[in-house]
Amino acid sequence: MARPRQHAPEALHAQVMAACDAWLQENPVHTLSLRALAREVGCAPSTLLKLYGSFTNLLQHVNVETLARLRGVIEPLTSQATPEERLRALARAYWQFAQRDAYRWQLLFDYPLAQEGELDQRQSDMIEALFLRVETTLKEYQPALGDLEARRLGRTLWGSVHGLVLLGLNERLGYWQGQQLEVGELLDQLLDTILAGLRARSGAT
């Protein structure tokens, strides 16, 4: 039996991430295993365990890459002219990202995020940056929002966006007159409602 090839840690990590990416383009994560990954990159499963500590930790590195990809999609949207346009663009981009990389996106929520160490910090920083982008845009739209209000509303809004995206991917949004309800239209309605409420607050003050 041939001996597994020897890999430098950085090179092996890059190969593992590339193998995970190729797998998740076509298959959900529950069909992936440490043994299958080791076979793909030409090493022993024990080599991957030595590098990552566990299969779960390996998948957390995939999650970090996914969050970085999501950030790369979202960051250019700051060029949108108005706060309303930016919020709508953020919601649409999140939906499109989940459609395009459905299995990667699902992995973010199928496994708990890292709980400690560098991975935890990197994941937390990326997630917080997304929330902060939503919060600051809401405050720009309605300057009367306090910091705590904006924080709560940002998470309420994004939780609602996430729920619609999840239901849309699973085709669980239902039908109207024989036609499936469209996620994009529901995202627009959600934002119409929230932004109308913020405008009404301006009128009340």
N, C-alpha and C. Protein backbone atom coordinates (compact mmCIF):
# COMPACT_ATOMS: atom_id res chain seq x y z
N MET A 1 0.85 -1.20 0.00
CA MET A 1 0.00 0.00 0.00
C MET A 1 0.88 1.25 0.00
N ALA A 2 0.59 2.20 -0.87
CA ALA A 2 1.39 3.41 -0.96
C ALA A 2 1.23 4.26 0.28
N ARG A 3 2.34 4.89 0.70
CA ARG A 3 2.30 5.78 1.85
C ARG A 3 1.65 7.10 1.45
N PRO A 4 0.86 7.71 2.35
CA PRO A 4 0.28 9.01 2.03
C PRO A 4 1.35 10.04 1.73
N ARG A 5 1.04 11.00 0.83
CA ARG A 5 1.99 12.04 0.51
C ARG A 5 2.20 12.94 1.73
N GLN A 6 3.37 13.53 1.82
CA GLN A 6 3.67 14.44 2.91
C GLN A 6 3.28 15.87 2.49
N HIS A 7 2.71 16.64 3.42
CA HIS A 7 2.24 17.98 3.11
C HIS A 7 2.72 18.96 4.17
N ALA A 8 3.12 20.17 3.74
CA ALA A 8 3.31 21.26 4.69
C ALA A 8 1.93 21.67 5.20
N PRO A 9 1.81 22.10 6.46
CA PRO A 9 0.49 22.44 7.01
C PRO A 9 -0.27 23.46 6.18
N GLU A 10 0.41 24.52 5.70
CA GLU A 10 -0.29 25.55 4.94
C GLU A 10 -0.79 24.99 3.61
N ALA A 11 0.04 24.20 2.97
CA ALA A 11 -0.37 23.61 1.69
C ALA A 11 -1.51 22.63 1.88
N LEU A 12 -1.41 21.84 2.94
CA LEU A 12 -2.46 20.86 3.21
C LEU A 12 -3.78 21.57 3.52
N HIS A 13 -3.71 22.64 4.31
CA HIS A 13 -4.93 23.39 4.63
C HIS A 13 -5.57 23.93 3.35
N ALA A 14 -4.77 24.47 2.46
CA ALA A 14 -5.31 25.00 1.21
C ALA A 14 -5.97 23.89 0.40
N GLN A 15 -5.36 22.70 0.36
CA GLN A 15 -5.93 21.58 -0.36
C GLN A 15 -7.25 21.13 0.27
N VAL A 16 -7.28 21.10 1.59
CA VAL A 16 -8.49 20.67 2.29
C VAL A 16 -9.62 21.66 2.03
N MET A 17 -9.33 22.96 2.10
CA MET A 17 -10.36 23.95 1.86
C MET A 17 -10.87 23.86 0.42
N ALA A 18 -9.96 23.61 -0.53
CA ALA A 18 -10.37 23.47 -1.93
C ALA A 18 -11.22 22.23 -2.12
N ALA A 19 -10.86 21.14 -1.43
CA ALA A 19 -11.65 19.90 -1.53
C ALA A 19 -13.04 20.10 -0.92
N CYS A 20 -13.11 20.79 0.21
CA CYS A 20 -14.41 21.08 0.83
C CYS A 20 -15.26 21.95 -0.09
N ASP A 21 -14.62 22.93 -0.71
CA ASP A 21 -15.35 23.82 -1.62
C ASP A 21 -15.94 23.04 -2.78
N ALA A 22 -15.14 22.16 -3.37
CA ALA A 22 -15.63 21.36 -4.50
C ALA A 22 -16.77 20.46 -4.06
N TRP A 23 -16.65 19.87 -2.88
CA TRP A 23 -17.69 18.98 -2.37
C TRP A 23 -18.99 19.74 -2.14
N LEU A 24 -18.88 20.89 -1.49
CA LEU A 24 -20.08 21.64 -1.09
C LEU A 24 -20.75 22.35 -2.27
N GLN A 25 -20.10 22.39 -3.40
CA GLN A 25 -20.77 22.92 -4.58
C GLN A 25 -21.85 21.98 -5.08
N GLU A 26 -21.72 20.71 -4.73
CA GLU A 26 -22.65 19.71 -5.25
C GLU A 26 -23.38 18.90 -4.17
N ASN A 27 -22.84 18.89 -2.95
CA ASN A 27 -23.34 17.97 -1.92
C ASN A 27 -23.46 18.67 -0.57
N PRO A 28 -24.45 18.26 0.25
CA PRO A 28 -24.56 18.82 1.60
C PRO A 28 -23.47 18.27 2.50
N VAL A 29 -23.23 18.99 3.59
CA VAL A 29 -22.10 18.63 4.45
C VAL A 29 -22.28 17.27 5.11
N HIS A 30 -23.54 16.84 5.34
CA HIS A 30 -23.71 15.56 6.05
C HIS A 30 -23.24 14.37 5.22
N THR A 31 -22.96 14.59 3.93
CA THR A 31 -22.42 13.51 3.10
C THR A 31 -20.89 13.51 3.10
N LEU A 32 -20.30 14.49 3.77
CA LEU A 32 -18.84 14.62 3.80
C LEU A 32 -18.30 13.97 5.08
N SER A 33 -17.14 13.38 4.99
CA SER A 33 -16.51 12.76 6.16
C SER A 33 -15.02 13.06 6.15
N LEU A 34 -14.41 12.90 7.31
CA LEU A 34 -12.98 13.09 7.43
C LEU A 34 -12.23 12.12 6.52
N ARG A 35 -12.71 10.90 6.48
CA ARG A 35 -12.05 9.88 5.65
C ARG A 35 -12.13 10.24 4.16
N ALA A 36 -13.32 10.74 3.73
CA ALA A 36 -13.47 11.12 2.34
C ALA A 36 -12.56 12.30 1.98
N LEU A 37 -12.45 13.26 2.89
CA LEU A 37 -11.56 14.40 2.65
C LEU A 37 -10.11 13.96 2.57
N ALA A 38 -9.71 13.09 3.49
CA ALA A 38 -8.34 12.60 3.48
C ALA A 38 -8.03 11.90 2.16
N ARG A 39 -8.98 11.15 1.67
CA ARG A 39 -8.79 10.48 0.38
C ARG A 39 -8.64 11.50 -0.74
N GLU A 40 -9.42 12.56 -0.70
CA GLU A 40 -9.37 13.58 -1.75
C GLU A 40 -8.01 14.27 -1.81
N VAL A 41 -7.42 14.55 -0.65
CA VAL A 41 -6.16 15.30 -0.63
C VAL A 41 -4.95 14.39 -0.53
N GLY A 42 -5.16 13.07 -0.41
CA GLY A 42 -4.05 12.13 -0.43
C GLY A 42 -3.27 12.04 0.86
N CYS A 43 -3.97 12.06 1.97
CA CYS A 43 -3.29 11.89 3.26
C CYS A 43 -4.12 10.97 4.14
N ALA A 44 -3.59 10.63 5.30
CA ALA A 44 -4.31 9.79 6.24
C ALA A 44 -5.29 10.64 7.05
N PRO A 45 -6.44 10.08 7.47
CA PRO A 45 -7.35 10.84 8.33
C PRO A 45 -6.66 11.37 9.59
N SER A 46 -5.71 10.61 10.12
CA SER A 46 -5.00 11.05 11.33
C SER A 46 -4.21 12.33 11.08
N THR A 47 -3.76 12.52 9.83
CA THR A 47 -3.03 13.75 9.50
C THR A 47 -3.96 14.96 9.62
N LEU A 48 -5.19 14.81 9.17
CA LEU A 48 -6.16 15.91 9.29
C LEU A 48 -6.51 16.17 10.74
N LEU A 49 -6.63 15.10 11.51
CA LEU A 49 -6.92 15.28 12.94
C LEU A 49 -5.78 16.01 13.64
N LYS A 50 -4.56 15.71 13.24
CA LYS A 50 -3.40 16.39 13.84
C LYS A 50 -3.42 17.86 13.48
N LEU A 51 -3.83 18.18 12.25
CA LEU A 51 -3.83 19.57 11.79
C LEU A 51 -4.96 20.38 12.41
N TYR A 52 -6.17 19.79 12.51
CA TYR A 52 -7.36 20.53 12.93
C TYR A 52 -7.86 20.20 14.33
N GLY A 53 -7.48 19.05 14.85
CA GLY A 53 -7.95 18.64 16.17
C GLY A 53 -9.21 17.82 16.12
N SER A 54 -10.13 18.17 15.21
CA SER A 54 -11.38 17.42 15.06
C SER A 54 -12.00 17.78 13.71
N PHE A 55 -12.93 16.96 13.27
CA PHE A 55 -13.65 17.24 12.04
C PHE A 55 -14.48 18.52 12.18
N THR A 56 -15.05 18.73 13.37
CA THR A 56 -15.84 19.94 13.61
C THR A 56 -14.98 21.19 13.46
N ASN A 57 -13.76 21.16 14.00
CA ASN A 57 -12.86 22.31 13.85
C ASN A 57 -12.52 22.56 12.39
N LEU A 58 -12.33 21.48 11.64
CA LEU A 58 -12.07 21.62 10.21
C LEU A 58 -13.21 22.37 9.53
N LEU A 59 -14.43 21.97 9.88
CA LEU A 59 -15.60 22.62 9.27
C LEU A 59 -15.72 24.08 9.71
N GLN A 60 -15.22 24.40 10.89
CA GLN A 60 -15.24 25.80 11.32
C GLN A 60 -14.34 26.66 10.43
N HIS A 61 -13.25 26.09 9.94
CA HIS A 61 -12.40 26.81 9.00
C HIS A 61 -13.15 27.06 7.69
N VAL A 62 -13.95 26.09 7.28
CA VAL A 62 -14.79 26.29 6.09
C VAL A 62 -15.77 27.43 6.36
N ASN A 63 -16.33 27.47 7.55
CA ASN A 63 -17.27 28.55 7.90
C ASN A 63 -16.60 29.92 7.86
N VAL A 64 -15.35 29.99 8.31
CA VAL A 64 -14.62 31.26 8.25
C VAL A 64 -14.47 31.70 6.80
N GLU A 65 -14.14 30.75 5.92
CA GLU A 65 -14.03 31.08 4.49
C GLU A 65 -15.38 31.55 3.93
N THR A 66 -16.45 30.89 4.36
CA THR A 66 -17.78 31.27 3.88
C THR A 66 -18.14 32.69 4.32
N LEU A 67 -17.85 33.00 5.59
CA LEU A 67 -18.13 34.35 6.09
C LEU A 67 -17.29 35.39 5.35
N ALA A 68 -16.05 35.02 5.01
CA ALA A 68 -15.20 35.94 4.25
C ALA A 68 -15.77 36.17 2.85
N ARG A 69 -16.30 35.13 2.24
CA ARG A 69 -16.93 35.27 0.93
C ARG A 69 -18.16 36.17 1.02
N LEU A 70 -18.95 35.96 2.07
CA LEU A 70 -20.14 36.79 2.26
C LEU A 70 -19.75 38.24 2.45
N ARG A 71 -18.71 38.47 3.23
CA ARG A 71 -18.23 39.84 3.43
C ARG A 71 -17.78 40.45 2.10
N GLY A 72 -17.13 39.64 1.26
CA GLY A 72 -16.71 40.13 -0.04
C GLY A 72 -17.86 40.52 -0.93
N VAL A 73 -19.00 39.86 -0.76
CA VAL A 73 -20.20 40.20 -1.53
C VAL A 73 -20.84 41.49 -1.00
N ILE A 74 -20.80 41.65 0.32
CA ILE A 74 -21.52 42.75 0.96
C ILE A 74 -20.75 44.08 0.91
N GLU A 75 -19.43 44.02 1.07
CA GLU A 75 -18.65 45.25 1.19
C GLU A 75 -18.84 46.21 0.01
N PRO A 76 -18.88 45.73 -1.23
CA PRO A 76 -19.06 46.67 -2.35
C PRO A 76 -20.40 47.41 -2.33
N LEU A 77 -21.36 46.91 -1.55
CA LEU A 77 -22.69 47.52 -1.56
C LEU A 77 -22.72 48.86 -0.84
N THR A 78 -21.63 49.21 -0.18
CA THR A 78 -21.58 50.51 0.49
C THR A 78 -21.64 51.65 -0.51
N SER A 79 -21.43 51.35 -1.78
CA SER A 79 -21.47 52.40 -2.81
C SER A 79 -22.90 52.78 -3.20
N GLN A 80 -23.88 51.99 -2.72
CA GLN A 80 -25.28 52.34 -3.01
C GLN A 80 -25.58 53.72 -2.44
N ALA A 81 -26.36 54.51 -3.19
CA ALA A 81 -26.49 55.94 -2.90
C ALA A 81 -27.19 56.24 -1.58
N THR A 82 -28.30 55.57 -1.28
CA THR A 82 -29.09 55.93 -0.12
C THR A 82 -29.14 54.76 0.87
N PRO A 83 -29.44 55.05 2.14
CA PRO A 83 -29.56 53.96 3.12
C PRO A 83 -30.60 52.93 2.71
N GLU A 84 -31.72 53.36 2.16
CA GLU A 84 -32.75 52.40 1.74
C GLU A 84 -32.22 51.48 0.65
N GLU A 85 -31.51 52.05 -0.31
CA GLU A 85 -30.95 51.23 -1.38
C GLU A 85 -29.93 50.23 -0.84
N ARG A 86 -29.15 50.66 0.15
CA ARG A 86 -28.14 49.75 0.73
C ARG A 86 -28.81 48.60 1.46
N LEU A 87 -29.85 48.90 2.24
CA LEU A 87 -30.55 47.84 2.97
C LEU A 87 -31.18 46.84 2.02
N ARG A 88 -31.79 47.33 0.97
CA ARG A 88 -32.42 46.43 0.00
C ARG A 88 -31.35 45.60 -0.72
N ALA A 89 -30.23 46.24 -1.04
CA ALA A 89 -29.14 45.52 -1.71
C ALA A 89 -28.55 44.46 -0.80
N LEU A 90 -28.41 44.75 0.49
CA LEU A 90 -27.89 43.77 1.45
C LEU A 90 -28.79 42.55 1.52
N ALA A 91 -30.09 42.78 1.61
CA ALA A 91 -31.04 41.66 1.71
C ALA A 91 -31.01 40.81 0.45
N ARG A 92 -31.00 41.48 -0.71
CA ARG A 92 -30.97 40.73 -1.97
C ARG A 92 -29.65 39.96 -2.12
N ALA A 93 -28.54 40.58 -1.72
CA ALA A 93 -27.24 39.92 -1.84
C ALA A 93 -27.17 38.68 -0.94
N TYR A 94 -27.76 38.77 0.25
CA TYR A 94 -27.78 37.62 1.16
C TYR A 94 -28.56 36.47 0.54
N TRP A 95 -29.69 36.78 -0.04
CA TRP A 95 -30.51 35.75 -0.70
C TRP A 95 -29.77 35.13 -1.88
N GLN A 96 -29.15 35.97 -2.69
CA GLN A 96 -28.42 35.46 -3.86
C GLN A 96 -27.22 34.63 -3.44
N PHE A 97 -26.53 35.04 -2.37
CA PHE A 97 -25.40 34.27 -1.87
C PHE A 97 -25.86 32.89 -1.41
N ALA A 98 -26.96 32.85 -0.66
CA ALA A 98 -27.47 31.57 -0.16
C ALA A 98 -27.92 30.67 -1.31
N GLN A 99 -28.49 31.24 -2.35
CA GLN A 99 -28.86 30.44 -3.52
C GLN A 99 -27.64 29.89 -4.24
N ARG A 100 -26.63 30.73 -4.41
CA ARG A 100 -25.46 30.36 -5.19
C ARG A 100 -24.58 29.35 -4.44
N ASP A 101 -24.45 29.52 -3.12
CA ASP A 101 -23.60 28.64 -2.30
C ASP A 101 -24.45 28.01 -1.20
N ALA A 102 -25.51 27.33 -1.61
CA ALA A 102 -26.51 26.85 -0.66
C ALA A 102 -25.92 25.92 0.39
N TYR A 103 -25.08 24.98 0.00
CA TYR A 103 -24.56 24.02 0.97
C TYR A 103 -23.53 24.66 1.90
N ARG A 104 -22.76 25.58 1.38
CA ARG A 104 -21.84 26.34 2.25
C ARG A 104 -22.65 27.18 3.25
N TRP A 105 -23.67 27.85 2.75
CA TRP A 105 -24.50 28.70 3.61
C TRP A 105 -25.16 27.86 4.71
N GLN A 106 -25.68 26.70 4.34
CA GLN A 106 -26.33 25.83 5.32
C GLN A 106 -25.34 25.35 6.38
N LEU A 107 -24.09 25.12 5.98
CA LEU A 107 -23.09 24.66 6.93
C LEU A 107 -22.89 25.66 8.07
N LEU A 108 -23.04 26.95 7.77
CA LEU A 108 -22.90 27.97 8.82
C LEU A 108 -23.85 27.71 9.98
N PHE A 109 -24.99 27.10 9.71
CA PHE A 109 -26.03 26.94 10.72
C PHE A 109 -26.24 25.48 11.13
N ASP A 110 -25.64 24.56 10.38
CA ASP A 110 -25.77 23.14 10.74
C ASP A 110 -24.82 22.75 11.87
N TYR A 111 -23.73 23.48 12.02
CA TYR A 111 -22.76 23.20 13.07
C TYR A 111 -22.61 24.43 13.95
N PRO A 112 -22.53 24.25 15.27
CA PRO A 112 -22.35 25.41 16.15
C PRO A 112 -21.06 26.14 15.79
N LEU A 113 -21.07 27.46 15.91
CA LEU A 113 -19.86 28.22 15.68
C LEU A 113 -18.83 27.89 16.76
N ALA A 114 -17.58 28.17 16.45
CA ALA A 114 -16.50 27.93 17.42
C ALA A 114 -16.79 28.67 18.72
N GLN A 115 -16.37 28.09 19.82
CA GLN A 115 -16.68 28.65 21.12
C GLN A 115 -15.50 29.35 21.79
N GLU A 116 -14.30 29.17 21.26
CA GLU A 116 -13.14 29.78 21.91
C GLU A 116 -12.00 29.87 20.90
N GLY A 117 -10.98 30.63 21.27
CA GLY A 117 -9.77 30.68 20.46
C GLY A 117 -9.89 31.58 19.25
N GLU A 118 -8.90 31.47 18.35
CA GLU A 118 -8.82 32.35 17.18
C GLU A 118 -10.02 32.19 16.26
N LEU A 119 -10.47 30.95 16.05
CA LEU A 119 -11.62 30.74 15.17
C LEU A 119 -12.85 31.45 15.69
N ASP A 120 -13.08 31.35 16.99
CA ASP A 120 -14.22 32.02 17.60
C ASP A 120 -14.14 33.52 17.35
N GLN A 121 -12.95 34.11 17.56
CA GLN A 121 -12.80 35.54 17.39
C GLN A 121 -13.00 35.96 15.95
N ARG A 122 -12.44 35.20 15.02
CA ARG A 122 -12.59 35.54 13.60
C ARG A 122 -14.05 35.46 13.17
N GLN A 123 -14.73 34.40 13.59
CA GLN A 123 -16.15 34.27 13.23
C GLN A 123 -16.97 35.38 13.85
N SER A 124 -16.72 35.64 15.13
CA SER A 124 -17.49 36.67 15.83
C SER A 124 -17.28 38.04 15.20
N ASP A 125 -16.04 38.35 14.83
CA ASP A 125 -15.75 39.64 14.22
C ASP A 125 -16.48 39.80 12.88
N MET A 126 -16.50 38.74 12.08
CA MET A 126 -17.16 38.81 10.78
C MET A 126 -18.66 38.97 10.91
N ILE A 127 -19.27 38.22 11.85
CA ILE A 127 -20.71 38.31 12.06
C ILE A 127 -21.08 39.68 12.62
N GLU A 128 -20.28 40.16 13.56
CA GLU A 128 -20.56 41.47 14.15
C GLU A 128 -20.44 42.57 13.09
N ALA A 129 -19.50 42.43 12.17
CA ALA A 129 -19.33 43.44 11.12
C ALA A 129 -20.57 43.51 10.23
N LEU A 130 -21.18 42.34 9.96
CA LEU A 130 -22.42 42.33 9.17
C LEU A 130 -23.54 43.03 9.92
N PHE A 131 -23.72 42.70 11.19
CA PHE A 131 -24.76 43.34 11.98
C PHE A 131 -24.51 44.85 12.07
N LEU A 132 -23.25 45.22 12.27
CA LEU A 132 -22.93 46.64 12.42
C LEU A 132 -23.25 47.42 11.14
N ARG A 133 -23.02 46.79 10.00
CA ARG A 133 -23.35 47.44 8.73
C ARG A 133 -24.85 47.72 8.64
N VAL A 134 -25.66 46.75 9.08
CA VAL A 134 -27.11 46.93 9.06
C VAL A 134 -27.52 48.02 10.06
N GLU A 135 -26.95 47.97 11.26
CA GLU A 135 -27.30 48.94 12.30
C GLU A 135 -26.97 50.37 11.88
N THR A 136 -25.77 50.57 11.36
CA THR A 136 -25.37 51.94 10.98
C THR A 136 -26.21 52.46 9.82
N THR A 137 -26.62 51.57 8.93
CA THR A 137 -27.47 52.01 7.82
C THR A 137 -28.86 52.37 8.32
N LEU A 138 -29.37 51.61 9.28
CA LEU A 138 -30.67 51.96 9.87
C LEU A 138 -30.60 53.31 10.57
N LYS A 139 -29.50 53.57 11.27
CA LYS A 139 -29.36 54.85 11.97
C LYS A 139 -29.19 56.00 10.98
N GLU A 140 -28.56 55.73 9.86
CA GLU A 140 -28.46 56.76 8.83
C GLU A 140 -29.84 57.07 8.25
N TYR A 141 -30.65 56.02 8.08
CA TYR A 141 -32.01 56.21 7.55
C TYR A 141 -32.87 56.96 8.56
N GLN A 142 -32.72 56.61 9.86
CA GLN A 142 -33.51 57.24 10.91
C GLN A 142 -32.56 57.65 12.05
N PRO A 143 -32.03 58.87 11.98
CA PRO A 143 -31.05 59.31 12.98
C PRO A 143 -31.59 59.32 14.41
N ALA A 144 -32.90 59.31 14.59
CA ALA A 144 -33.46 59.33 15.94
C ALA A 144 -33.27 58.00 16.67
N LEU A 145 -32.88 56.94 15.96
CA LEU A 145 -32.67 55.65 16.61
C LEU A 145 -31.48 55.73 17.56
N GLY A 146 -31.69 55.27 18.80
CA GLY A 146 -30.58 55.15 19.73
C GLY A 146 -29.74 53.91 19.41
N ASP A 147 -28.58 53.81 20.04
CA ASP A 147 -27.67 52.70 19.76
C ASP A 147 -28.32 51.35 20.07
N LEU A 148 -28.97 51.25 21.22
CA LEU A 148 -29.59 49.98 21.60
C LEU A 148 -30.76 49.65 20.68
N GLU A 149 -31.56 50.66 20.35
CA GLU A 149 -32.67 50.44 19.42
C GLU A 149 -32.17 49.93 18.07
N ALA A 150 -31.12 50.57 17.56
CA ALA A 150 -30.57 50.18 16.27
C ALA A 150 -30.00 48.77 16.33
N ARG A 151 -29.39 48.44 17.46
CA ARG A 151 -28.83 47.09 17.61
C ARG A 151 -29.94 46.05 17.59
N ARG A 152 -31.00 46.31 18.32
CA ARG A 152 -32.12 45.37 18.36
C ARG A 152 -32.83 45.29 17.01
N LEU A 153 -33.06 46.44 16.39
CA LEU A 153 -33.77 46.45 15.12
C LEU A 153 -32.93 45.79 14.02
N GLY A 154 -31.62 46.03 14.06
CA GLY A 154 -30.75 45.40 13.08
C GLY A 154 -30.82 43.88 13.14
N ARG A 155 -30.84 43.36 14.35
CA ARG A 155 -30.92 41.91 14.52
C ARG A 155 -32.32 41.38 14.20
N THR A 156 -33.33 42.16 14.53
CA THR A 156 -34.69 41.76 14.17
C THR A 156 -34.86 41.71 12.66
N LEU A 157 -34.36 42.75 11.99
CA LEU A 157 -34.46 42.80 10.53
C LEU A 157 -33.69 41.63 9.91
N TRP A 158 -32.44 41.44 10.34
CA TRP A 158 -31.65 40.41 9.70
C TRP A 158 -32.13 39.00 10.04
N GLY A 159 -32.67 38.85 11.24
CA GLY A 159 -33.28 37.56 11.57
C GLY A 159 -34.46 37.26 10.67
N SER A 160 -35.22 38.28 10.32
CA SER A 160 -36.36 38.11 9.42
C SER A 160 -35.89 37.80 8.01
N VAL A 161 -34.86 38.51 7.56
CA VAL A 161 -34.28 38.23 6.24
C VAL A 161 -33.79 36.78 6.19
N HIS A 162 -33.07 36.39 7.22
CA HIS A 162 -32.54 35.03 7.28
C HIS A 162 -33.66 33.99 7.23
N GLY A 163 -34.72 34.24 7.97
CA GLY A 163 -35.84 33.30 7.98
C GLY A 163 -36.48 33.15 6.61
N LEU A 164 -36.66 34.25 5.91
CA LEU A 164 -37.22 34.18 4.55
C LEU A 164 -36.29 33.44 3.60
N VAL A 165 -34.99 33.68 3.75
CA VAL A 165 -34.02 32.99 2.90
C VAL A 165 -34.05 31.49 3.17
N LEU A 166 -34.07 31.12 4.45
CA LEU A 166 -34.10 29.71 4.81
C LEU A 166 -35.35 29.02 4.27
N LEU A 167 -36.50 29.64 4.47
CA LEU A 167 -37.75 29.07 3.97
C LEU A 167 -37.77 29.02 2.44
N GLY A 168 -37.18 30.05 1.82
CA GLY A 168 -37.13 30.06 0.36
C GLY A 168 -36.27 28.94 -0.20
N LEU A 169 -35.13 28.70 0.42
CA LEU A 169 -34.26 27.62 -0.04
C LEU A 169 -34.94 26.26 0.08
N ASN A 170 -35.73 26.12 1.13
CA ASN A 170 -36.43 24.85 1.37
C ASN A 170 -37.81 24.80 0.73
N GLU A 171 -38.14 25.85 -0.04
CA GLU A 171 -39.43 25.93 -0.74
C GLU A 171 -40.60 25.71 0.23
N ARG A 172 -40.55 26.47 1.33
CA ARG A 172 -41.58 26.36 2.37
C ARG A 172 -42.34 27.67 2.57
N LEU A 173 -42.31 28.54 1.59
CA LEU A 173 -42.99 29.83 1.74
C LEU A 173 -44.45 29.78 1.29
N GLY A 174 -44.85 28.70 0.65
CA GLY A 174 -46.24 28.55 0.26
C GLY A 174 -46.53 29.14 -1.11
N TYR A 175 -47.82 29.15 -1.46
CA TYR A 175 -48.25 29.54 -2.80
C TYR A 175 -49.38 30.56 -2.73
N TRP A 176 -49.53 31.31 -3.81
CA TRP A 176 -50.66 32.21 -3.97
C TRP A 176 -51.18 32.03 -5.40
N GLN A 177 -52.42 31.59 -5.50
CA GLN A 177 -53.06 31.35 -6.79
C GLN A 177 -52.19 30.46 -7.69
N GLY A 178 -51.68 29.41 -7.07
CA GLY A 178 -50.92 28.40 -7.80
C GLY A 178 -49.47 28.74 -8.06
N GLN A 179 -49.03 29.94 -7.68
CA GLN A 179 -47.65 30.36 -7.89
C GLN A 179 -46.90 30.43 -6.56
N GLN A 180 -45.69 29.91 -6.57
CA GLN A 180 -44.88 29.95 -5.34
C GLN A 180 -44.51 31.38 -4.99
N LEU A 181 -44.63 31.74 -3.73
CA LEU A 181 -44.25 33.07 -3.29
C LEU A 181 -42.75 33.26 -3.47
N GLU A 182 -42.37 34.45 -3.95
CA GLU A 182 -40.98 34.74 -4.27
C GLU A 182 -40.26 35.41 -3.10
N VAL A 183 -39.07 34.91 -2.78
CA VAL A 183 -38.30 35.47 -1.67
C VAL A 183 -38.01 36.95 -1.91
N GLY A 184 -37.60 37.32 -3.12
CA GLY A 184 -37.27 38.71 -3.40
C GLY A 184 -38.42 39.65 -3.12
N GLU A 185 -39.64 39.25 -3.49
CA GLU A 185 -40.80 40.09 -3.25
C GLU A 185 -41.11 40.20 -1.76
N LEU A 186 -40.92 39.10 -1.04
CA LEU A 186 -41.17 39.13 0.40
C LEU A 186 -40.12 39.96 1.12
N LEU A 187 -38.88 39.93 0.66
CA LEU A 187 -37.85 40.79 1.24
C LEU A 187 -38.19 42.26 1.03
N ASP A 188 -38.68 42.58 -0.16
CA ASP A 188 -39.10 43.97 -0.42
C ASP A 188 -40.24 44.38 0.51
N GLN A 189 -41.20 43.48 0.71
CA GLN A 189 -42.33 43.80 1.59
C GLN A 189 -41.86 43.99 3.03
N LEU A 190 -40.94 43.14 3.47
CA LEU A 190 -40.39 43.27 4.81
C LEU A 190 -39.74 44.63 5.00
N LEU A 191 -38.91 45.02 4.05
CA LEU A 191 -38.23 46.31 4.16
C LEU A 191 -39.19 47.48 4.02
N ASP A 192 -40.20 47.33 3.15
CA ASP A 192 -41.22 48.38 3.04
C ASP A 192 -41.85 48.64 4.41
N THR A 193 -42.18 47.56 5.11
CA THR A 193 -42.86 47.67 6.41
C THR A 193 -41.96 48.32 7.45
N ILE A 194 -40.72 47.86 7.55
CA ILE A 194 -39.80 48.39 8.56
C ILE A 194 -39.46 49.85 8.27
N LEU A 195 -39.18 50.15 7.03
CA LEU A 195 -38.82 51.52 6.69
C LEU A 195 -40.00 52.48 6.82
N ALA A 196 -41.21 52.00 6.52
CA ALA A 196 -42.40 52.83 6.72
C ALA A 196 -42.57 53.16 8.20
N GLY A 197 -42.29 52.18 9.05
CA GLY A 197 -42.38 52.42 10.49
C GLY A 197 -41.37 53.46 10.94
N LEU A 198 -40.16 53.41 10.39
CA LEU A 198 -39.15 54.38 10.75
C LEU A 198 -39.52 55.78 10.23
N ARG A 199 -40.10 55.84 9.04
CA ARG A 199 -40.54 57.14 8.52
C ARG A 199 -41.67 57.72 9.37
N ALA A 200 -42.61 56.85 9.79
CA ALA A 200 -43.72 57.32 10.62
C ALA A 200 -43.22 57.86 11.94
N ARG A 201 -42.15 57.26 12.44
CA ARG A 201 -41.56 57.78 13.68
C ARG A 201 -41.07 59.19 13.49
N SER A 202 -40.47 59.46 12.32
CA SER A 202 -40.01 60.83 12.05
C SER A 202 -41.18 61.80 12.07
N GLY A 203 -42.33 61.38 11.48
CA GLY A 203 -43.50 62.24 11.46
C GLY A 203 -44.06 62.49 12.84
N ALA A 204 -43.95 61.48 13.71
CA ALA A 204 -44.50 61.60 15.06
C ALA A 204 -43.68 62.55 15.92
N THR A 205 -42.36 62.63 15.57
CA THR A 205 -41.50 63.53 16.35
C THR A 205 -41.46 64.89 15.70
